[in-house]
C-alpha cells in the first residue's frame, strides 16, 4: 500500500508540473500578444507623404487583377518548362546479389505461402 501511495504522489506531482508549464506558456503568449504592436496600427502610423495607391489592395477589382496576373505567370512558366518525366524509370532494376538470393529462396520454398 505504501508503494501505491508513493506512485500516486509522483503521478500527481508530474501532472501538476506538466499542466503548470502549459499554463505558464499560455500566460507568456498572452503577455507577448499584448506587448507587441499590431501590424495594422504600425502601417497606419506611416508617413502620409508617400503616394497612396489608386485602389485599395482589398477591393474586388484589385483582387481579380492579381489573380489574373498570377494565372498568366503560371501559364507562361508551364509553357516554358520542358516536357520531361518527373520520375524516369531506371535502366535496369536495382537489386543487389543478396536480395536476388533471398527472393529466389522465397520463390523456391515449398509448402503453404505465408502472407
Protein backbone atom coordinates (compact mmCIF):
# COMPACT_ATOMS: atom_id res chain seq x y z
CA UNK A 1 0.00 0.00 0.00
CA UNK A 2 2.97 2.27 0.67
CA UNK A 3 4.23 1.85 -2.91
CA UNK A 4 0.80 2.71 -4.32
CA UNK A 5 0.52 5.96 -2.37
CA UNK A 6 4.08 6.93 -3.36
CA UNK A 7 3.35 6.25 -7.04
CA UNK A 8 0.14 8.31 -6.85
CA UNK A 9 2.04 11.21 -5.27
CA UNK A 10 4.67 11.07 -8.03
CA UNK A 11 1.91 10.97 -10.66
CA UNK A 12 0.11 13.99 -9.18
CA UNK A 13 3.34 15.97 -8.92
CA UNK A 14 4.29 15.12 -12.52
CA UNK A 15 0.88 16.03 -13.91
CA UNK A 16 0.90 19.23 -11.88
CA UNK A 17 4.26 20.19 -13.37
CA UNK A 18 3.04 19.48 -16.91
CA UNK A 19 -0.16 21.49 -16.55
CA UNK A 20 1.70 24.24 -14.72
CA UNK A 21 4.12 24.52 -17.65
CA UNK A 22 1.20 24.68 -20.08
CA UNK A 23 -0.46 27.46 -18.09
CA UNK A 24 2.85 29.33 -17.87
CA UNK A 25 3.28 29.16 -21.65
CA UNK A 26 -0.30 30.34 -22.11
CA UNK A 27 0.32 33.35 -19.86
CA UNK A 28 3.58 34.17 -21.65
CA UNK A 29 1.83 34.09 -25.04
CA UNK A 30 -0.96 36.34 -23.77
CA UNK A 31 1.59 38.83 -22.45
CA UNK A 32 3.54 38.80 -25.72
CA UNK A 33 0.36 39.41 -27.73
CA UNK A 34 -0.48 42.41 -25.61
CA UNK A 35 3.03 43.86 -25.68
CA UNK A 36 3.71 43.56 -29.41
CA UNK A 37 2.09 46.20 -31.64
CA UNK A 38 -0.44 45.23 -34.28
CA UNK A 39 0.69 45.38 -37.89
CA UNK A 40 -2.35 47.42 -38.90
CA UNK A 41 -1.55 50.05 -36.28
CA UNK A 42 2.07 50.16 -37.42
CA UNK A 43 1.01 50.60 -41.06
CA UNK A 44 -1.38 53.40 -40.09
CA UNK A 45 1.47 55.32 -38.42
CA UNK A 46 3.50 55.50 -41.66
CA UNK A 47 4.15 58.99 -43.01
CA UNK A 48 1.41 60.36 -45.25
CA UNK A 49 3.88 61.94 -47.67
CA UNK A 50 4.01 58.79 -49.82
CA UNK A 51 1.64 58.43 -52.76
CA UNK A 52 -1.40 56.34 -51.93
CA UNK A 53 -2.37 53.54 -54.34
CA UNK A 54 -5.22 54.26 -56.71
CA UNK A 55 -7.29 51.34 -55.46
CA UNK A 56 -7.19 49.68 -52.06
CA UNK A 57 -5.46 46.31 -52.11
CA UNK A 58 -8.58 44.55 -50.84
CA UNK A 59 -11.03 45.74 -53.49
CA UNK A 60 -12.64 43.17 -55.77
CA UNK A 61 -11.09 44.60 -58.90
CA UNK A 62 -7.58 44.59 -57.43
CA UNK A 63 -8.00 41.00 -56.25
CA UNK A 64 -9.23 39.93 -59.68
CA UNK A 65 -6.28 41.70 -61.32
CA UNK A 66 -3.83 39.93 -59.03
CA UNK A 67 -5.49 36.57 -59.73
CA UNK A 68 -5.29 37.17 -63.49
CA UNK A 69 -1.61 38.17 -63.25
CA UNK A 70 -0.84 35.05 -61.21
CA UNK A 71 -2.71 32.83 -63.69
CA UNK A 72 -0.81 34.29 -66.65
CA UNK A 73 2.51 33.87 -64.85
CA UNK A 74 1.77 30.21 -64.08
CA UNK A 75 0.68 29.55 -67.67
CA UNK A 76 3.86 31.12 -69.06
CA UNK A 77 6.03 29.14 -66.64
CA UNK A 78 4.19 25.94 -67.54
CA UNK A 79 4.73 26.53 -71.24
CA UNK A 80 8.43 27.31 -70.73
CA UNK A 81 9.23 24.09 -68.86
CA UNK A 82 10.46 21.17 -70.98
CA UNK A 83 8.24 18.11 -71.25
CA UNK A 84 10.24 15.59 -69.21
CA UNK A 85 9.00 12.82 -66.99
CA UNK A 86 9.34 13.79 -63.37
CA UNK A 87 10.43 10.32 -62.26
CA UNK A 88 12.24 8.49 -65.06
CA UNK A 89 12.42 4.73 -64.74
CA UNK A 90 15.88 3.28 -64.08
CA UNK A 91 17.63 1.49 -66.93
CA UNK A 92 17.71 -1.79 -65.01
CA UNK A 93 16.04 -2.86 -61.81
CA UNK A 94 18.37 -2.17 -58.93
CA UNK A 95 18.62 -5.44 -56.98
CA UNK A 96 21.68 -6.46 -55.05
CA UNK A 97 23.01 -10.01 -55.15
CA UNK A 98 21.84 -10.60 -51.59
CA UNK A 99 18.29 -9.52 -52.44
CA UNK A 100 18.25 -11.74 -55.53
CA UNK A 101 19.32 -14.80 -53.48
CA UNK A 102 16.75 -14.14 -50.76
CA UNK A 103 13.95 -13.65 -53.28
CA UNK A 104 14.99 -16.81 -55.08
CA UNK A 105 14.86 -18.77 -51.82
CA UNK A 106 11.38 -17.45 -51.07
CA UNK A 107 10.14 -18.41 -54.52
CA UNK A 108 11.64 -21.91 -54.34
CA UNK A 109 10.21 -22.77 -50.91
CA UNK A 110 7.57 -25.46 -50.93
CA UNK A 111 4.56 -25.54 -48.69
CA UNK A 112 1.86 -23.04 -47.82
CA UNK A 113 2.68 -19.44 -48.54
CA UNK A 114 2.79 -17.09 -45.62
CA UNK A 115 1.10 -13.75 -46.03
